């Protein structure tokens, strides 16, 4: 029986050829900007070269590079969040609340979940159109809302990590995520 505990070896000379396209695709889905995605992939390769002595060989090169890329994406959003000078205005929240909540009693106005129905579809064309629409709607969100939504829903980061990364409170995180979902739902519903 073969010993499967053998360590994987790095081969940096082939990284661009073997992994650049898949890393670029991974980054582009999360940042929605080709230039930024290219920069993140380059930073990933540079970071991997600098820390190649830390590679323990227990995972594949691709898995290791994607893990580095995830941290680069989080760093990108952290910097973007710090540079952002605009804040969430209370009036924006009130406008959204009036649209989705009954003014008399504050109960939520039920609306169909387009995201669920498209994302769970077996129709690949429908899925592609859904994700293209989602990307377009994400671009329309205020920066902080888009960042929180992407970190949670696309990168599947824990709330605590997102709060620490963006230096926001847990309560603020949930408010931002809720507003992002409401605005995305509104955007995607109006595009029908």
Protein backbone atom coordinates (compact mmCIF):
# COMPACT_ATOMS: atom_id res chain seq x y z
CA UNK A 1 0.00 0.00 0.00
CA UNK A 2 1.40 3.42 -0.99
CA UNK A 3 2.20 6.06 1.60
CA UNK A 4 -0.14 9.04 1.02
CA UNK A 5 1.61 11.29 3.54
CA UNK A 6 4.15 12.40 0.94
CA UNK A 7 4.42 16.19 0.79
CA UNK A 8 3.49 18.17 -2.33
CA UNK A 9 6.35 20.17 -3.82
CA UNK A 10 6.00 23.70 -5.18
CA UNK A 11 6.74 24.44 -8.81
CA UNK A 12 6.61 28.27 -9.14
CA UNK A 13 7.81 28.20 -12.75
CA UNK A 14 4.45 26.72 -13.80
CA UNK A 15 2.11 28.76 -11.58
CA UNK A 16 1.16 31.31 -14.24
CA UNK A 17 0.60 28.64 -16.88
CA UNK A 18 -1.33 26.27 -14.60
CA UNK A 19 -3.25 28.56 -12.25
CA UNK A 20 -3.45 32.16 -13.53
CA UNK A 21 -6.77 31.70 -15.33
CA UNK A 22 -8.55 29.96 -12.48
CA UNK A 23 -7.18 32.43 -9.90
CA UNK A 24 -8.23 35.35 -12.11
CA UNK A 25 -11.73 33.89 -12.49
CA UNK A 26 -11.97 33.36 -8.72
CA UNK A 27 -10.87 36.95 -8.02
CA UNK A 28 -13.06 38.51 -10.71
CA UNK A 29 -16.19 36.89 -9.30
CA UNK A 30 -15.43 38.49 -5.96
CA UNK A 31 -14.25 41.99 -6.93
CA UNK A 32 -16.09 42.59 -10.24
CA UNK A 33 -13.16 44.51 -11.70
CA UNK A 34 -10.71 43.00 -14.20
CA UNK A 35 -7.79 45.27 -13.32
CA UNK A 36 -8.18 44.68 -9.60
CA UNK A 37 -8.53 40.93 -10.20
CA UNK A 38 -5.31 40.91 -12.26
CA UNK A 39 -3.49 42.86 -9.56
CA UNK A 40 -4.73 40.47 -6.88
CA UNK A 41 -3.52 37.45 -8.85
CA UNK A 42 -0.09 39.08 -9.29
CA UNK A 43 0.03 39.88 -5.58
CA UNK A 44 -0.93 36.28 -4.86
CA UNK A 45 1.97 34.94 -6.93
CA UNK A 46 4.39 37.39 -5.30
CA UNK A 47 3.10 36.57 -1.83
CA UNK A 48 3.37 32.86 -2.55
CA UNK A 49 6.96 33.23 -3.74
CA UNK A 50 7.87 35.19 -0.62
CA UNK A 51 6.24 32.66 1.69
CA UNK A 52 7.05 29.46 -0.21
CA UNK A 53 9.09 28.23 2.74
CA UNK A 54 5.86 28.19 4.77
CA UNK A 55 4.18 25.77 2.34
CA UNK A 56 3.70 22.57 4.34
CA UNK A 57 2.88 20.38 1.34
CA UNK A 58 -0.34 19.02 2.84
CA UNK A 59 -2.49 20.67 0.16
CA UNK A 60 -2.14 21.13 -3.57
CA UNK A 61 -0.43 24.20 -5.02
CA UNK A 62 -3.76 25.43 -6.36
CA UNK A 63 -5.50 25.13 -2.98
CA UNK A 64 -2.62 26.96 -1.31
CA UNK A 65 -2.65 29.74 -3.93
CA UNK A 66 -6.43 30.18 -3.63
CA UNK A 67 -6.09 30.48 0.14
CA UNK A 68 -3.50 33.24 -0.35
CA UNK A 69 -5.78 34.92 -2.91
CA UNK A 70 -8.68 34.89 -0.42
CA UNK A 71 -6.54 36.82 2.05
CA UNK A 72 -5.51 39.25 -0.70
CA UNK A 73 -9.19 39.84 -1.53
CA UNK A 74 -10.01 40.45 2.13
CA UNK A 75 -7.07 42.88 2.36
CA UNK A 76 -8.37 44.63 -0.77
CA UNK A 77 -11.78 45.15 0.83
CA UNK A 78 -10.20 46.20 4.12
CA UNK A 79 -8.22 48.94 2.35
CA UNK A 80 -11.21 49.96 0.27
CA UNK A 81 -13.29 50.25 3.42
CA UNK A 82 -10.70 52.44 5.14
CA UNK A 83 -10.43 54.74 2.10
CA UNK A 84 -14.17 55.13 1.86
CA UNK A 85 -15.22 58.54 3.12
CA UNK A 86 -18.93 58.29 2.62
CA UNK A 87 -21.07 56.90 5.39
CA UNK A 88 -24.46 55.26 5.52
CA UNK A 89 -27.08 57.94 5.98
CA UNK A 90 -30.08 57.38 8.18
CA UNK A 91 -32.34 58.81 5.47
CA UNK A 92 -31.27 56.00 3.10
CA UNK A 93 -32.29 53.45 5.69
CA UNK A 94 -35.63 55.14 6.31
CA UNK A 95 -36.41 55.14 2.58
CA UNK A 96 -35.68 51.42 2.36
CA UNK A 97 -37.67 50.67 5.49
CA UNK A 98 -40.70 52.54 4.15
CA UNK A 99 -40.52 50.51 0.94
CA UNK A 100 -40.26 47.09 2.57
CA UNK A 101 -42.10 47.53 5.86
CA UNK A 102 -45.72 48.44 6.58
CA UNK A 103 -45.71 52.02 7.91
CA UNK A 104 -48.53 51.34 10.40
CA UNK A 105 -47.22 48.32 12.27
CA UNK A 106 -43.66 47.85 11.02
CA UNK A 107 -44.29 44.32 9.71
CA UNK A 108 -42.21 43.13 6.78
CA UNK A 109 -43.95 43.26 3.38
CA UNK A 110 -43.44 39.75 1.95
CA UNK A 111 -41.95 39.62 -1.54
CA UNK A 112 -40.84 36.63 -3.61
CA UNK A 113 -37.21 35.59 -3.37
CA UNK A 114 -35.82 35.99 -6.87
CA UNK A 115 -32.31 35.17 -5.74
CA UNK A 116 -33.37 31.77 -4.39
CA UNK A 117 -35.39 30.83 -7.47
CA UNK A 118 -32.64 31.76 -9.96
CA UNK A 119 -29.70 30.43 -7.96
CA UNK A 120 -31.38 27.04 -7.49
CA UNK A 121 -32.39 26.70 -11.14
CA UNK A 122 -31.09 23.80 -13.24
CA UNK A 123 -31.06 26.08 -16.30
CA UNK A 124 -27.42 27.16 -16.81
CA UNK A 125 -28.37 30.10 -19.05
CA UNK A 126 -30.77 31.34 -16.39
CA UNK A 127 -28.05 31.00 -13.73
CA UNK A 128 -25.55 32.95 -15.86
CA UNK A 129 -28.06 35.73 -16.43
CA UNK A 130 -28.87 35.77 -12.73
CA UNK A 131 -25.23 36.15 -11.71
CA UNK A 132 -24.66 38.82 -14.36
CA UNK A 133 -27.66 40.74 -12.99
CA UNK A 134 -26.40 40.23 -9.44
CA UNK A 135 -22.98 41.64 -10.43
CA UNK A 136 -24.63 44.69 -12.02
CA UNK A 137 -26.77 45.28 -8.94
CA UNK A 138 -23.75 44.87 -6.65
CA UNK A 139 -22.02 47.65 -8.59
CA UNK A 140 -24.94 49.96 -7.78
CA UNK A 141 -24.71 49.38 -4.02
CA UNK A 142 -22.87 51.82 -1.79
CA UNK A 143 -19.33 50.56 -1.35
CA UNK A 144 -19.62 49.45 2.28
CA UNK A 145 -22.82 47.48 1.60
CA UNK A 146 -21.24 45.74 -1.40
CA UNK A 147 -18.10 44.89 0.55
CA UNK A 148 -19.98 43.35 3.47
CA UNK A 149 -22.32 41.42 1.16
CA UNK A 150 -19.44 40.01 -0.93
CA UNK A 151 -17.39 39.02 2.11
CA UNK A 152 -20.35 37.22 3.68
CA UNK A 153 -22.19 35.77 0.70
CA UNK A 154 -19.37 35.17 -1.82
CA UNK A 155 -16.34 34.54 0.37
CA UNK A 156 -18.47 33.02 3.14
CA UNK A 157 -16.52 34.79 5.87
CA UNK A 158 -17.75 34.68 9.46
CA UNK A 159 -19.43 37.79 10.83
CA UNK A 160 -16.70 38.23 13.47
CA UNK A 161 -13.96 38.19 10.82
CA UNK A 162 -15.83 40.73 8.70
CA UNK A 163 -16.39 43.01 11.70
CA UNK A 164 -12.72 42.84 12.62
CA UNK A 165 -11.58 43.30 9.01
CA UNK A 166 -13.76 46.35 8.40
CA UNK A 167 -13.56 47.67 11.96
CA UNK A 168 -17.34 47.72 12.44
CA UNK A 169 -19.54 46.57 15.30
CA UNK A 170 -21.55 43.37 15.12
CA UNK A 171 -24.79 45.37 15.16
CA UNK A 172 -23.56 47.62 12.36
CA UNK A 173 -22.56 44.52 10.36
CA UNK A 174 -26.08 43.06 10.55
CA UNK A 175 -27.68 46.40 9.62
CA UNK A 176 -25.34 46.79 6.64
CA UNK A 177 -25.93 43.21 5.47
CA UNK A 178 -29.70 43.64 5.84
CA UNK A 179 -29.67 46.89 3.85
CA UNK A 180 -27.51 45.30 1.16
CA UNK A 181 -29.96 42.42 0.79
CA UNK A 182 -32.93 44.79 0.62
CA UNK A 183 -31.31 46.99 -2.00
CA UNK A 184 -30.18 43.98 -4.05
CA UNK A 185 -33.66 42.51 -3.92
CA UNK A 186 -35.11 45.84 -5.03
CA UNK A 187 -32.59 46.16 -7.87
CA UNK A 188 -33.09 42.60 -9.09
CA UNK A 189 -36.88 42.81 -8.81
CA UNK A 190 -36.96 46.00 -10.88
CA UNK A 191 -34.89 44.37 -13.62
CA UNK A 192 -37.53 41.72 -14.32
